[in-house]
């Protein structure tokens, strides 16, 4: 299974959640609401989940093995870093005064 697209849907400045991402696999299956989290001096991803009646959370979808989880996490964090760079460039463009 190959990751064919990653879309960073939303970026956050405040708090440990830094982004919400959608990932497409093999151009056939999309997984939405993967979260990029920054805590304990590192980035990691949290898969989409739902709340159980006992107030615990259960992943709706998740990687089956560590190798694929690492590949997915690395790809999503790389896409997040690219989105941050693009956002920084866009904000610099907004701050540059127009030439007269």
PDB file of N, CA and C in Angstrom:
ATOM      1  N   UNK A   1       0.857  -1.178   0.000  1.00  0.00           N
ATOM      2  CA  UNK A   1       0.000   0.000   0.000  1.00  0.00           C
ATOM      3  C   UNK A   1       0.898   1.235   0.000  1.00  0.00           C
ATOM      4  N   UNK A   2       0.607   2.135  -0.930  1.00  0.00           N
ATOM      5  CA  UNK A   2       1.403   3.348  -1.045  1.00  0.00           C
ATOM      6  C   UNK A   2       0.589   4.570  -0.661  1.00  0.00           C
ATOM      7  N   UNK A   3       1.252   5.529  -0.072  1.00  0.00           N
ATOM      8  CA  UNK A   3       0.635   6.820   0.231  1.00  0.00           C
ATOM      9  C   UNK A   3       0.706   7.632  -1.057  1.00  0.00           C
ATOM     10  N   UNK A   4      -0.445   7.998  -1.602  1.00  0.00           N
ATOM     11  CA  UNK A   4      -0.463   8.717  -2.869  1.00  0.00           C
ATOM     12  C   UNK A   4      -0.766  10.205  -2.723  1.00  0.00           C
ATOM     13  N   UNK A   5      -1.267  10.627  -1.569  1.00  0.00           N
ATOM     14  CA  UNK A   5      -1.531  12.048  -1.362  1.00  0.00           C
ATOM     15  C   UNK A   5      -1.664  12.328   0.122  1.00  0.00           C
ATOM     16  N   UNK A   6      -1.152  13.484   0.522  1.00  0.00           N
ATOM     17  CA  UNK A   6      -1.329  13.961   1.893  1.00  0.00           C
ATOM     18  C   UNK A   6      -1.761  15.415   1.799  1.00  0.00           C
ATOM     19  N   UNK A   7      -2.890  15.740   2.424  1.00  0.00           N
ATOM     20  CA  UNK A   7      -3.385  17.114   2.458  1.00  0.00           C
ATOM     21  C   UNK A   7      -3.417  17.576   3.911  1.00  0.00           C
ATOM     22  N   UNK A   8      -2.715  18.661   4.173  1.00  0.00           N
ATOM     23  CA  UNK A   8      -2.773  19.286   5.496  1.00  0.00           C
ATOM     24  C   UNK A   8      -3.990  20.198   5.466  1.00  0.00           C
ATOM     25  N   UNK A   9      -5.030  19.810   6.187  1.00  0.00           N
ATOM     26  CA  UNK A   9      -6.315  20.510   6.143  1.00  0.00           C
ATOM     27  C   UNK A   9      -6.327  21.785   6.982  1.00  0.00           C
ATOM     28  N   UNK A  10      -5.667  21.725   8.146  1.00  0.00           N
ATOM     29  CA  UNK A  10      -5.699  22.880   9.042  1.00  0.00           C
ATOM     30  C   UNK A  10      -4.435  22.882   9.884  1.00  0.00           C
ATOM     31  N   UNK A  11      -3.872  24.071  10.092  1.00  0.00           N
ATOM     32  CA  UNK A  11      -2.708  24.259  10.954  1.00  0.00           C
ATOM     33  C   UNK A  11      -3.136  25.006  12.210  1.00  0.00           C
ATOM     34  N   UNK A  12      -2.511  24.683  13.332  1.00  0.00           N
ATOM     35  CA  UNK A  12      -2.802  25.334  14.603  1.00  0.00           C
ATOM     36  C   UNK A  12      -1.514  25.892  15.194  1.00  0.00           C
ATOM     37  N   UNK A  13      -1.580  27.118  15.729  1.00  0.00           N
ATOM     38  CA  UNK A  13      -0.417  27.733  16.375  1.00  0.00           C
ATOM     39  C   UNK A  13      -0.352  27.395  17.858  1.00  0.00           C
ATOM     40  N   UNK A  14      -1.500  27.328  18.493  1.00  0.00           N
ATOM     41  CA  UNK A  14      -1.567  27.140  19.940  1.00  0.00           C
ATOM     42  C   UNK A  14      -1.833  25.686  20.305  1.00  0.00           C
ATOM     43  N   UNK A  15      -1.322  25.260  21.447  1.00  0.00           N
ATOM     44  CA  UNK A  15      -1.598  23.932  21.978  1.00  0.00           C
ATOM     45  C   UNK A  15      -0.765  22.847  21.328  1.00  0.00           C
ATOM     46  N   UNK A  16      -0.908  21.631  21.826  1.00  0.00           N
ATOM     47  CA  UNK A  16      -0.091  20.530  21.306  1.00  0.00           C
ATOM     48  C   UNK A  16      -0.532  20.029  19.933  1.00  0.00           C
ATOM     49  N   UNK A  17      -1.813  20.188  19.565  1.00  0.00           N
ATOM     50  CA  UNK A  17      -2.249  19.754  18.240  1.00  0.00           C
ATOM     51  C   UNK A  17      -1.805  20.801  17.229  1.00  0.00           C
ATOM     52  N   UNK A  18      -1.018  20.372  16.241  1.00  0.00           N
ATOM     53  CA  UNK A  18      -0.432  21.298  15.277  1.00  0.00           C
ATOM     54  C   UNK A  18      -1.098  21.261  13.918  1.00  0.00           C
ATOM     55  N   UNK A  19      -1.752  20.141  13.570  1.00  0.00           N
ATOM     56  CA  UNK A  19      -2.393  20.063  12.259  1.00  0.00           C
ATOM     57  C   UNK A  19      -3.405  18.929  12.219  1.00  0.00           C
ATOM     58  N   UNK A  20      -4.323  19.044  11.270  1.00  0.00           N
ATOM     59  CA  UNK A  20      -5.242  17.959  10.928  1.00  0.00           C
ATOM     60  C   UNK A  20      -4.988  17.630   9.466  1.00  0.00           C
ATOM     61  N   UNK A  21      -4.816  16.339   9.188  1.00  0.00           N
ATOM     62  CA  UNK A  21      -4.335  15.879   7.892  1.00  0.00           C
ATOM     63  C   UNK A  21      -5.251  14.794   7.331  1.00  0.00           C
ATOM     64  N   UNK A  22      -5.351  14.749   6.004  1.00  0.00           N
ATOM     65  CA  UNK A  22      -6.012  13.641   5.303  1.00  0.00           C
ATOM     66  C   UNK A  22      -4.963  12.938   4.452  1.00  0.00           C
ATOM     67  N   UNK A  23      -5.004  11.610   4.431  1.00  0.00           N
ATOM     68  CA  UNK A  23      -4.047  10.822   3.669  1.00  0.00           C
ATOM     69  C   UNK A  23      -4.817   9.905   2.723  1.00  0.00           C
ATOM     70  N   UNK A  24      -4.353   9.836   1.468  1.00  0.00           N
ATOM     71  CA  UNK A  24      -4.941   8.932   0.485  1.00  0.00           C
ATOM     72  C   UNK A  24      -3.962   7.803   0.206  1.00  0.00           C
ATOM     73  N   UNK A  25      -4.476   6.583   0.176  1.00  0.00           N
ATOM     74  CA  UNK A  25      -3.680   5.387  -0.075  1.00  0.00           C
ATOM     75  C   UNK A  25      -4.064   4.804  -1.427  1.00  0.00           C
ATOM     76  N   UNK A  26      -3.049   4.512  -2.238  1.00  0.00           N
ATOM     77  CA  UNK A  26      -3.240   3.885  -3.555  1.00  0.00           C
ATOM     78  C   UNK A  26      -4.259   4.625  -4.419  1.00  0.00           C
ATOM     79  N   UNK A  27      -4.463   5.903  -4.179  1.00  0.00           N
ATOM     80  CA  UNK A  27      -5.446   6.662  -4.944  1.00  0.00           C
ATOM     81  C   UNK A  27      -6.857   6.130  -4.790  1.00  0.00           C
ATOM     82  N   UNK A  28      -7.092   5.296  -3.759  1.00  0.00           N
ATOM     83  CA  UNK A  28      -8.371   4.598  -3.616  1.00  0.00           C
ATOM     84  C   UNK A  28      -9.060   4.801  -2.265  1.00  0.00           C
ATOM     85  N   UNK A  29      -8.284   5.046  -1.217  1.00  0.00           N
ATOM     86  CA  UNK A  29      -8.835   5.098   0.137  1.00  0.00           C
ATOM     87  C   UNK A  29      -8.309   6.335   0.849  1.00  0.00           C
ATOM     88  N   UNK A  30      -9.219   7.148   1.390  1.00  0.00           N
ATOM     89  CA  UNK A  30      -8.824   8.350   2.133  1.00  0.00           C
ATOM     90  C   UNK A  30      -9.103   8.155   3.614  1.00  0.00           C
ATOM     91  N   UNK A  31      -8.151   8.576   4.431  1.00  0.00           N
ATOM     92  CA  UNK A  31      -8.321   8.585   5.886  1.00  0.00           C
ATOM     93  C   UNK A  31      -8.214  10.036   6.322  1.00  0.00           C
ATOM     94  N   UNK A  32      -9.281  10.541   6.935  1.00  0.00           N
ATOM     95  CA  UNK A  32      -9.349  11.935   7.371  1.00  0.00           C
ATOM     96  C   UNK A  32      -9.105  12.026   8.872  1.00  0.00           C
ATOM     97  N   UNK A  33      -8.805  13.230   9.301  1.00  0.00           N
ATOM     98  CA  UNK A  33      -8.696  13.578  10.725  1.00  0.00           C
ATOM     99  C   UNK A  33      -7.526  12.914  11.442  1.00  0.00           C
ATOM    100  N   UNK A  34      -6.417  12.709  10.742  1.00  0.00           N
ATOM    101  CA  UNK A  34      -5.180  12.306  11.398  1.00  0.00           C
ATOM    102  C   UNK A  34      -4.595  13.583  12.006  1.00  0.00           C
ATOM    103  N   UNK A  35      -4.228  13.538  13.269  1.00  0.00           N
ATOM    104  CA  UNK A  35      -3.740  14.728  13.962  1.00  0.00           C
ATOM    105  C   UNK A  35      -2.224  14.678  14.107  1.00  0.00           C
ATOM    106  N   UNK A  36      -1.583  15.828  13.886  1.00  0.00           N
ATOM    107  CA  UNK A  36      -0.155  15.988  14.166  1.00  0.00           C
ATOM    108  C   UNK A  36      -0.064  16.652  15.530  1.00  0.00           C
ATOM    109  N   UNK A  37       0.643  15.994  16.437  1.00  0.00           N
ATOM    110  CA  UNK A  37       0.774  16.455  17.821  1.00  0.00           C
ATOM    111  C   UNK A  37       2.243  16.742  18.116  1.00  0.00           C
ATOM    112  N   UNK A  38       2.496  17.821  18.874  1.00  0.00           N
ATOM    113  CA  UNK A  38       3.845  18.091  19.364  1.00  0.00           C
ATOM    114  C   UNK A  38       3.794  18.051  20.889  1.00  0.00           C
ATOM    115  N   UNK A  39       4.480  17.069  21.467  1.00  0.00           N
ATOM    116  CA  UNK A  39       4.523  16.924  22.928  1.00  0.00           C
ATOM    117  C   UNK A  39       5.817  16.216  23.297  1.00  0.00           C
ATOM    118  N   UNK A  40       6.322  16.533  24.454  1.00  0.00           N
ATOM    119  CA  UNK A  40       7.565  15.920  24.953  1.00  0.00           C
ATOM    120  C   UNK A  40       8.705  16.080  23.953  1.00  0.00           C
ATOM    121  N   UNK A  41       8.748  17.266  23.347  1.00  0.00           N
ATOM    122  CA  UNK A  41       9.841  17.636  22.443  1.00  0.00           C
ATOM    123  C   UNK A  41       9.889  16.818  21.155  1.00  0.00           C
ATOM    124  N   UNK A  42       8.745  16.252  20.720  1.00  0.00           N
ATOM    125  CA  UNK A  42       8.748  15.534  19.454  1.00  0.00           C
ATOM    126  C   UNK A  42       7.365  15.595  18.813  1.00  0.00           C
ATOM    127  N   UNK A  43       7.365  15.356  17.490  1.00  0.00           N
ATOM    128  CA  UNK A  43       6.121  15.278  16.737  1.00  0.00           C
ATOM    129  C   UNK A  43       5.724  13.818  16.585  1.00  0.00           C
ATOM    130  N   UNK A  44       4.409  13.573  16.609  1.00  0.00           N
ATOM    131  CA  UNK A  44       3.879  12.247  16.321  1.00  0.00           C
ATOM    132  C   UNK A  44       2.462  12.418  15.798  1.00  0.00           C
ATOM    133  N   UNK A  45       1.902  11.331  15.275  1.00  0.00           N
ATOM    134  CA  UNK A  45       0.534  11.405  14.759  1.00  0.00           C
ATOM    135  C   UNK A  45      -0.408  10.617  15.650  1.00  0.00           C
ATOM    136  N   UNK A  46      -1.669  11.030  15.620  1.00  0.00           N
ATOM    137  CA  UNK A  46      -2.742  10.337  16.329  1.00  0.00           C
ATOM    138  C   UNK A  46      -3.804  10.019  15.280  1.00  0.00           C
ATOM    139  N   UNK A  47      -4.167   8.762  15.218  1.00  0.00           N
ATOM    140  CA  UNK A  47      -5.135   8.310  14.228  1.00  0.00           C
ATOM    141  C   UNK A  47      -6.548   8.731  14.637  1.00  0.00           C
ATOM    142  N   UNK A  48      -7.479   8.796  13.673  1.00  0.00           N
ATOM    143  CA  UNK A  48      -8.857   9.161  13.999  1.00  0.00           C
ATOM    144  C   UNK A  48      -9.458   8.166  15.001  1.00  0.00           C
ATOM    145  N   UNK A  49     -10.232   8.695  15.923  1.00  0.00           N
ATOM    146  CA  UNK A  49     -10.807   7.831  16.961  1.00  0.00           C
ATOM    147  C   UNK A  49     -12.208   8.308  17.305  1.00  0.00           C
ATOM    148  N   UNK A  50     -12.878   7.483  18.081  1.00  0.00           N
ATOM    149  CA  UNK A  50     -14.202   7.878  18.579  1.00  0.00           C
ATOM    150  C   UNK A  50     -14.250   7.590  20.077  1.00  0.00           C
ATOM    151  N   UNK A  51     -15.122   8.308  20.739  1.00  0.00           N
ATOM    152  CA  UNK A  51     -15.256   8.176  22.190  1.00  0.00           C
ATOM    153  C   UNK A  51     -16.227   7.051  22.517  1.00  0.00           C
ATOM    154  N   UNK A  52     -15.809   6.177  23.407  1.00  0.00           N
ATOM    155  CA  UNK A  52     -16.657   5.072  23.867  1.00  0.00           C
ATOM    156  C   UNK A  52     -17.553   5.541  25.010  1.00  0.00           C
ATOM    157  N   UNK A  53     -18.589   4.787  25.317  1.00  0.00           N
ATOM    158  CA  UNK A  53     -19.479   5.170  26.427  1.00  0.00           C
ATOM    159  C   UNK A  53     -18.760   5.307  27.770  1.00  0.00           C
ATOM    160  N   UNK A  54     -17.627   4.601  27.939  1.00  0.00           N
ATOM    161  CA  UNK A  54     -16.899   4.698  29.212  1.00  0.00           C
ATOM    162  C   UNK A  54     -15.846   5.814  29.197  1.00  0.00           C
ATOM    163  N   UNK A  55     -15.974   6.748  28.262  1.00  0.00           N
ATOM    164  CA  UNK A  55     -15.100   7.916  28.125  1.00  0.00           C
ATOM    165  C   UNK A  55     -13.669   7.586  27.694  1.00  0.00           C
ATOM    166  N   UNK A  56     -13.419   6.379  27.201  1.00  0.00           N
ATOM    167  CA  UNK A  56     -12.130   6.056  26.596  1.00  0.00           C
ATOM    168  C   UNK A  56     -12.252   6.272  25.088  1.00  0.00           C
ATOM    169  N   UNK A  57     -11.142   6.285  24.404  1.00  0.00           N
ATOM    170  CA  UNK A  57     -11.145   6.472  22.955  1.00  0.00           C
ATOM    171  C   UNK A  57     -10.619   5.228  22.264  1.00  0.00           C
ATOM    172  N   UNK A  58     -11.162   4.958  21.092  1.00  0.00           N
ATOM    173  CA  UNK A  58     -10.738   3.795  20.302  1.00  0.00           C
ATOM    174  C   UNK A  58     -10.477   4.274  18.875  1.00  0.00           C
ATOM    175  N   UNK A  59      -9.303   3.890  18.336  1.00  0.00           N
ATOM    176  CA  UNK A  59      -8.982   4.260  16.967  1.00  0.00           C
ATOM    177  C   UNK A  59     -10.002   3.647  16.007  1.00  0.00           C
ATOM    178  N   UNK A  60     -10.417   4.439  15.033  1.00  0.00           N
ATOM    179  CA  UNK A  60     -11.319   3.956  13.987  1.00  0.00           C
ATOM    180  C   UNK A  60     -10.522   3.201  12.934  1.00  0.00           C
ATOM    181  N   UNK A  61      -9.328   3.689  12.662  1.00  0.00           N
ATOM    182  CA  UNK A  61      -8.430   3.078  11.682  1.00  0.00           C
ATOM    183  C   UNK A  61      -7.012   3.237  12.225  1.00  0.00           C
ATOM    184  N   UNK A  62      -6.162   2.255  11.965  1.00  0.00           N
ATOM    185  CA  UNK A  62      -4.791   2.357  12.475  1.00  0.00           C
ATOM    186  C   UNK A  62      -3.873   1.410  11.709  1.00  0.00           C
ATOM    187  N   UNK A  63      -2.573   1.734  11.663  1.00  0.00           N
ATOM    188  CA  UNK A  63      -1.607   0.826  11.031  1.00  0.00           C
ATOM    189  C   UNK A  63      -1.521  -0.479  11.821  1.00  0.00           C
ATOM    190  N   UNK A  64      -1.274  -1.570  11.113  1.00  0.00           N
ATOM    191  CA  UNK A  64      -1.202  -2.882  11.749  1.00  0.00           C
ATOM    192  C   UNK A  64       0.192  -3.184  12.288  1.00  0.00           C
ATOM    193  N   UNK A  65       1.233  -2.631  11.645  1.00  0.00           N
ATOM    194  CA  UNK A  65       2.585  -2.938  12.119  1.00  0.00           C
ATOM    195  C   UNK A  65       3.408  -1.663  12.285  1.00  0.00           C
ATOM    196  N   UNK A  66       4.499  -1.784  13.025  1.00  0.00           N
ATOM    197  CA  UNK A  66       5.337  -0.635  13.355  1.00  0.00           C
ATOM    198  C   UNK A  66       6.008  -0.042  12.121  1.00  0.00           C
ATOM    199  N   UNK A  67       6.393  -0.879  11.162  1.00  0.00           N
ATOM    200  CA  UNK A  67       7.076  -0.382   9.974  1.00  0.00           C
ATOM    201  C   UNK A  67       6.160   0.561   9.186  1.00  0.00           C
ATOM    202  N   UNK A  68       4.898   0.164   8.994  1.00  0.00           N
ATOM    203  CA  UNK A  68       3.986   1.029   8.251  1.00  0.00           C
ATOM    204  C   UNK A  68       3.638   2.270   9.066  1.00  0.00           C
ATOM    205  N   UNK A  69       3.494   2.125  10.369  1.00  0.00           N
ATOM    206  CA  UNK A  69       3.211   3.285  11.218  1.00  0.00           C
ATOM    207  C   UNK A  69       4.331   4.309  11.097  1.00  0.00           C
ATOM    208  N   UNK A  70       5.577   3.843  11.126  1.00  0.00           N
ATOM    209  CA  UNK A  70       6.717   4.748  10.992  1.00  0.00           C
ATOM    210  C   UNK A  70       6.712   5.450   9.637  1.00  0.00           C
ATOM    211  N   UNK A  71       6.431   4.699   8.577  1.00  0.00           N
ATOM    212  CA  UNK A  71       6.366   5.278   7.232  1.00  0.00           C
ATOM    213  C   UNK A  71       5.269   6.345   7.159  1.00  0.00           C
ATOM    214  N   UNK A  72       4.105   6.025   7.687  1.00  0.00           N
ATOM    215  CA  UNK A  72       2.983   6.960   7.680  1.00  0.00           C
ATOM    216  C   UNK A  72       3.316   8.202   8.503  1.00  0.00           C
ATOM    217  N   UNK A  73       3.831   8.004   9.699  1.00  0.00           N
ATOM    218  CA  UNK A  73       4.154   9.127  10.577  1.00  0.00           C
ATOM    219  C   UNK A  73       5.204  10.039   9.936  1.00  0.00           C
ATOM    220  N   UNK A  74       6.237   9.453   9.368  1.00  0.00           N
ATOM    221  CA  UNK A  74       7.286  10.248   8.729  1.00  0.00           C
ATOM    222  C   UNK A  74       6.725  11.040   7.547  1.00  0.00           C
ATOM    223  N   UNK A  75       5.891  10.414   6.731  1.00  0.00           N
ATOM    224  CA  UNK A  75       5.309  11.088   5.569  1.00  0.00           C
ATOM    225  C   UNK A  75       4.390  12.231   5.985  1.00  0.00           C
ATOM    226  N   UNK A  76       3.566  12.001   6.988  1.00  0.00           N
ATOM    227  CA  UNK A  76       2.631  13.032   7.457  1.00  0.00           C
ATOM    228  C   UNK A  76       3.398  14.199   8.073  1.00  0.00           C
ATOM    229  N   UNK A  77       4.408  13.928   8.883  1.00  0.00           N
ATOM    230  CA  UNK A  77       5.182  15.006   9.512  1.00  0.00           C
ATOM    231  C   UNK A  77       5.964  15.785   8.458  1.00  0.00           C
ATOM    232  N   UNK A  78       6.487  15.114   7.440  1.00  0.00           N
ATOM    233  CA  UNK A  78       7.152  15.819   6.337  1.00  0.00           C
ATOM    234  C   UNK A  78       6.173  16.756   5.631  1.00  0.00           C
ATOM    235  N   UNK A  79       4.957  16.283   5.369  1.00  0.00           N
ATOM    236  CA  UNK A  79       3.937  17.119   4.718  1.00  0.00           C
ATOM    237  C   UNK A  79       3.566  18.306   5.610  1.00  0.00           C
ATOM    238  N   UNK A  80       3.492  18.075   6.910  1.00  0.00           N
ATOM    239  CA  UNK A  80       3.206  19.154   7.859  1.00  0.00           C
ATOM    240  C   UNK A  80       4.299  20.217   7.794  1.00  0.00           C
ATOM    241  N   UNK A  81       5.568  19.785   7.805  1.00  0.00           N
ATOM    242  CA  UNK A  81       6.686  20.741   7.743  1.00  0.00           C
ATOM    243  C   UNK A  81       6.662  21.535   6.440  1.00  0.00           C
ATOM    244  N   UNK A  82       6.327  20.896   5.332  1.00  0.00           N
ATOM    245  CA  UNK A  82       6.196  21.605   4.053  1.00  0.00           C
ATOM    246  C   UNK A  82       5.068  22.633   4.109  1.00  0.00           C
ATOM    247  N   UNK A  83       3.951  22.264   4.719  1.00  0.00           N
ATOM    248  CA  UNK A  83       2.821  23.195   4.842  1.00  0.00           C
ATOM    249  C   UNK A  83       3.209  24.394   5.704  1.00  0.00           C
ATOM    250  N   UNK A  84       3.993  24.158   6.760  1.00  0.00           N
ATOM    251  CA  UNK A  84       4.469  25.267   7.591  1.00  0.00           C
ATOM    252  C   UNK A  84       5.346  26.219   6.787  1.00  0.00           C
ATOM    253  N   UNK A  85       6.250  25.656   5.980  1.00  0.00           N
ATOM    254  CA  UNK A  85       7.120  26.486   5.149  1.00  0.00           C
ATOM    255  C   UNK A  85       6.305  27.311   4.160  1.00  0.00           C
ATOM    256  N   UNK A  86       5.324  26.683   3.526  1.00  0.00           N
ATOM    257  CA  UNK A  86       4.473  27.407   2.575  1.00  0.00           C
ATOM    258  C   UNK A  86       3.686  28.513   3.269  1.00  0.00           C
ATOM    259  N   UNK A  87       3.191  28.246   4.472  1.00  0.00           N
ATOM    260  CA  UNK A  87       2.445  29.256   5.220  1.00  0.00           C
ATOM    261  C   UNK A  87       3.356  30.412   5.603  1.00  0.00           C
ATOM    262  N   UNK A  88       4.597  30.110   5.987  1.00  0.00           N
ATOM    263  CA  UNK A  88       5.550  31.161   6.337  1.00  0.00           C
ATOM    264  C   UNK A  88       5.880  32.020   5.125  1.00  0.00           C
ATOM    265  N   UNK A  89       6.072  31.385   3.979  1.00  0.00           N
ATOM    266  CA  UNK A  89       6.353  32.142   2.753  1.00  0.00           C
ATOM    267  C   UNK A  89       5.165  33.016   2.363  1.00  0.00           C
ATOM    268  N   UNK A  90       3.969  32.474   2.493  1.00  0.00           N
ATOM    269  CA  UNK A  90       2.766  33.240   2.157  1.00  0.00           C
ATOM    270  C   UNK A  90       2.615  34.445   3.075  1.00  0.00           C
ATOM    271  N   UNK A  91       2.929  34.283   4.355  1.00  0.00           N
ATOM    272  CA  UNK A  91       2.796  35.415   5.281  1.00  0.00           C
ATOM    273  C   UNK A  91       3.876  36.454   5.010  1.00  0.00           C
ATOM    274  N   UNK A  92       5.064  36.027   4.567  1.00  0.00           N
ATOM    275  CA  UNK A  92       6.113  36.983   4.186  1.00  0.00           C
ATOM    276  C   UNK A  92       5.679  37.777   2.965  1.00  0.00           C
ATOM    277  N   UNK A  93       5.051  37.104   2.003  1.00  0.00           N
ATOM    278  CA  UNK A  93       4.570  37.787   0.803  1.00  0.00           C
ATOM    279  C   UNK A  93       3.519  38.832   1.160  1.00  0.00           C
ATOM    280  N   UNK A  94       2.683  38.519   2.170  1.00  0.00           N
ATOM    281  CA  UNK A  94       1.650  39.460   2.597  1.00  0.00           C
ATOM    282  C   UNK A  94       2.256  40.689   3.271  1.00  0.00           C
ATOM    283  N   UNK A  95       3.427  40.514   3.905  1.00  0.00           N
ATOM    284  CA  UNK A  95       4.049  41.609   4.653  1.00  0.00           C
ATOM    285  C   UNK A  95       4.909  42.513   3.780  1.00  0.00           C
ATOM    286  N   UNK A  96       5.278  42.063   2.596  1.00  0.00           N
ATOM    287  CA  UNK A  96       6.131  42.867   1.722  1.00  0.00           C
ATOM    288  C   UNK A  96       5.290  43.988   1.111  1.00  0.00           C
ATOM    289  N   UNK A  97       5.728  45.262   1.307  1.00  0.00           N
ATOM    290  CA  UNK A  97       4.947  46.349   0.726  1.00  0.00           C
ATOM    291  C   UNK A  97       5.032  46.337  -0.799  1.00  0.00           C
ATOM    292  N   UNK A  98       3.966  46.738  -1.405  1.00  0.00           N
ATOM    293  CA  UNK A  98       3.923  46.783  -2.873  1.00  0.00           C
ATOM    294  C   UNK A  98       4.854  47.877  -3.362  1.00  0.00           C
ATOM    295  N   UNK A  99       5.544  47.604  -4.475  1.00  0.00           N
ATOM    296  CA  UNK A  99       6.440  48.612  -5.049  1.00  0.00           C
ATOM    297  C   UNK A  99       5.609  49.643  -5.783  1.00  0.00           C
ATOM    298  N   UNK A 100       6.080  50.867  -5.691  1.00  0.00           N
ATOM    299  CA  UNK A 100       5.362  51.971  -6.345  1.00  0.00           C
ATOM    300  C   UNK A 100       6.071  52.353  -7.614  1.00  0.00           C
TER     301      UNK A 100
END
